[in-house]
Protein backbone atom coordinates (compact mmCIF):
# COMPACT_ATOMS: atom_id res chain seq x y z
CA UNK A 1 1.08 3.86 12.34
CA UNK A 2 2.59 2.89 15.58
CA UNK A 3 3.98 -0.69 16.94
CA UNK A 4 0.75 -1.30 19.05
CA UNK A 5 -0.88 -0.80 15.97
CA UNK A 6 0.47 -4.40 14.14
CA UNK A 7 -1.59 -7.21 15.42
CA UNK A 8 -4.72 -5.14 13.69
CA UNK A 9 -2.53 -4.29 10.82
CA UNK A 10 -1.81 -7.89 10.54
CA UNK A 11 -5.33 -9.31 11.10
CA UNK A 12 -6.10 -6.57 8.09
CA UNK A 13 -3.10 -8.13 5.87
CA UNK A 14 -5.16 -11.74 6.27
CA UNK A 15 -8.18 -10.13 5.31
CA UNK A 16 -7.49 -8.80 2.73
CA UNK A 17 -4.06 -10.63 1.09
CA UNK A 18 -3.39 -14.45 0.14
CA UNK A 19 0.61 -13.68 0.55
CA UNK A 20 0.01 -11.68 4.10
CA UNK A 21 2.68 -9.98 5.79
CA UNK A 22 3.91 -11.36 9.38
CA UNK A 23 3.72 -9.64 12.17
CA UNK A 24 7.30 -10.04 12.60
CA UNK A 25 8.03 -8.13 9.35
CA UNK A 26 5.29 -5.42 10.53
CA UNK A 27 7.88 -4.79 13.44
CA UNK A 28 11.37 -4.88 11.02
CA UNK A 29 9.45 -2.52 9.20
CA UNK A 30 8.63 0.02 12.11
CA UNK A 31 12.52 -0.21 13.81
CA UNK A 32 14.56 -1.36 11.43
CA UNK A 33 13.92 0.25 8.08
CA UNK A 34 14.63 3.96 8.00
CA UNK A 35 13.05 4.01 4.41
CA UNK A 36 9.52 2.66 5.59
CA UNK A 37 6.80 4.97 6.30
CA UNK A 38 2.97 3.30 7.60
CA UNK A 39 -0.06 5.21 8.43
CA UNK A 40 -3.68 3.52 9.45
CA UNK A 41 -7.10 4.41 8.78
CA UNK A 42 -9.39 4.14 11.79
CA UNK A 43 -13.15 4.82 12.36
CA UNK A 44 -14.58 4.81 15.67
CA UNK A 45 -10.74 4.04 17.39
CA UNK A 46 -10.69 0.73 14.97
CA UNK A 47 -7.90 0.36 12.25
CA UNK A 48 -10.00 -0.45 8.65
CA UNK A 49 -7.06 0.37 6.84
CA UNK A 50 -3.32 0.83 6.55
CA UNK A 51 -1.26 1.84 3.49
CA UNK A 52 2.99 1.47 3.99
CA UNK A 53 5.53 3.33 1.59
CA UNK A 54 9.34 3.69 1.30
CA UNK A 55 10.55 6.81 0.75
CA UNK A 56 14.55 6.39 -0.86
CA UNK A 57 15.39 9.75 -1.81
CA UNK A 58 13.07 11.49 -4.25
CA UNK A 59 10.95 8.20 -5.01
CA UNK A 60 8.57 6.63 -3.55
CA UNK A 61 7.42 2.98 -3.51
CA UNK A 62 3.79 1.49 -1.98
CA UNK A 63 4.69 -1.38 -0.37
CA UNK A 64 1.44 -2.47 0.60
CA UNK A 65 -2.14 -0.93 1.10
CA UNK A 66 -5.40 -2.57 2.57
CA UNK A 67 -8.92 -1.93 3.53
CA UNK A 68 -10.86 -3.82 5.45
CA UNK A 69 -13.56 -5.96 3.39
CA UNK A 70 -16.58 -4.61 5.24
CA UNK A 71 -15.52 -0.98 4.81
CA UNK A 72 -14.52 -0.69 1.08
CA UNK A 73 -16.35 0.91 -1.62
CA UNK A 74 -16.71 3.54 0.89
CA UNK A 75 -14.02 5.69 -0.73
CA UNK A 76 -11.50 4.97 2.66
CA UNK A 77 -8.81 4.19 0.01
CA UNK A 78 -9.00 6.77 -1.78
CA UNK A 79 -9.10 8.92 1.01
CA UNK A 80 -5.80 7.21 2.12
CA UNK A 81 -4.03 7.03 -1.16
CA UNK A 82 -4.19 10.95 -1.49
CA UNK A 83 -3.06 11.27 2.27
CA UNK A 84 -0.11 8.89 0.87
CA UNK A 85 -0.09 11.23 -2.00
CA UNK A 86 0.22 14.58 0.00
CA UNK A 87 2.78 13.07 2.60
CA UNK A 88 4.91 11.83 -0.18
CA UNK A 89 5.20 15.02 -2.07
CA UNK A 90 5.68 17.53 1.04
CA UNK A 91 8.74 14.84 1.79
CA UNK A 92 10.37 15.65 -1.90
CA UNK A 93 9.03 12.57 -3.74
CA UNK A 94 8.54 13.47 -7.48
CA UNK A 95 8.01 9.70 -8.92
CA UNK A 96 5.61 6.92 -7.18
CA UNK A 97 5.57 3.50 -7.97
CA UNK A 98 3.87 0.32 -6.88
CA UNK A 99 2.93 -3.16 -8.23
CA UNK A 100 -0.62 -4.67 -8.23
CA UNK A 101 -2.18 -8.10 -9.86
CA UNK A 102 -3.18 -8.03 -13.47
CA UNK A 103 -6.37 -9.27 -11.66
CA UNK A 104 -6.89 -6.31 -9.51
CA UNK A 105 -9.05 -4.20 -12.04
CA UNK A 106 -10.69 -2.30 -8.89
CA UNK A 107 -7.11 -1.46 -7.25
CA UNK A 108 -6.07 -0.25 -10.97
CA UNK A 109 -9.09 1.66 -11.32
CA UNK A 110 -8.28 3.65 -7.99
CA UNK A 111 -5.05 3.82 -8.93
CA UNK A 112 -5.57 5.63 -12.50
CA UNK A 113 -7.44 7.94 -10.93
CA UNK A 114 -4.72 9.47 -9.09
CA UNK A 115 -2.10 9.17 -12.48
CA UNK A 116 -0.69 6.15 -12.18
CA UNK A 117 0.22 4.43 -15.89
CA UNK A 118 0.95 1.10 -16.73
CA UNK A 119 5.29 0.96 -17.10
CA UNK A 120 5.42 -2.88 -16.78
CA UNK A 121 5.24 -6.16 -16.02
CA UNK A 122 7.12 -8.71 -13.39
CA UNK A 123 5.86 -12.13 -14.50
CA UNK A 124 5.30 -14.20 -12.13
CA UNK A 125 5.60 -11.75 -9.42
CA UNK A 126 3.38 -13.45 -6.78
CA UNK A 127 4.00 -16.51 -5.12
CA UNK A 128 0.89 -18.24 -4.56
CA UNK A 129 -0.11 -18.77 -7.84
CA UNK A 130 2.76 -17.03 -10.06
CA UNK A 131 0.31 -13.81 -11.24
CA UNK A 132 2.36 -10.73 -13.29
CA UNK A 133 2.22 -8.13 -11.52
CA UNK A 134 1.58 -4.65 -13.33
CA UNK A 135 4.43 -1.86 -12.21
CA UNK A 136 3.06 1.19 -12.24
CA UNK A 137 4.51 4.89 -12.17
CA UNK A 138 2.94 8.17 -11.90
CA UNK A 139 5.33 11.48 -12.06
CA UNK A 140 4.56 14.26 -9.66
């Protein structure tokens, strides 16, 4: 992901999440956060998905991942997640984690395909509706 991709990524955020990150947050992630790494998926020169990950020493945290609704169910998310796994392993990461809404069964299924397992609950994690988040981890 480059600086010029931020507006398209922010649009995907708005179409995917009830609490989307702002353009300002992405600008700071790309310019000020040395732990942040962001990747996009393109089809016909159009960004259709993205993923962010923070890498700190030998652990990685997925910050967000989304595919445009019209492209879901076509394995773009699987391909993107596999790419992220490969990237973090190449960076020396040994553990990967993320949070996912308890209601987001489709995402949980994807993460389980890559070996992530529930490790805990963050109560009232999502401020839009106080939904809990499942913390999922995998040793790489």
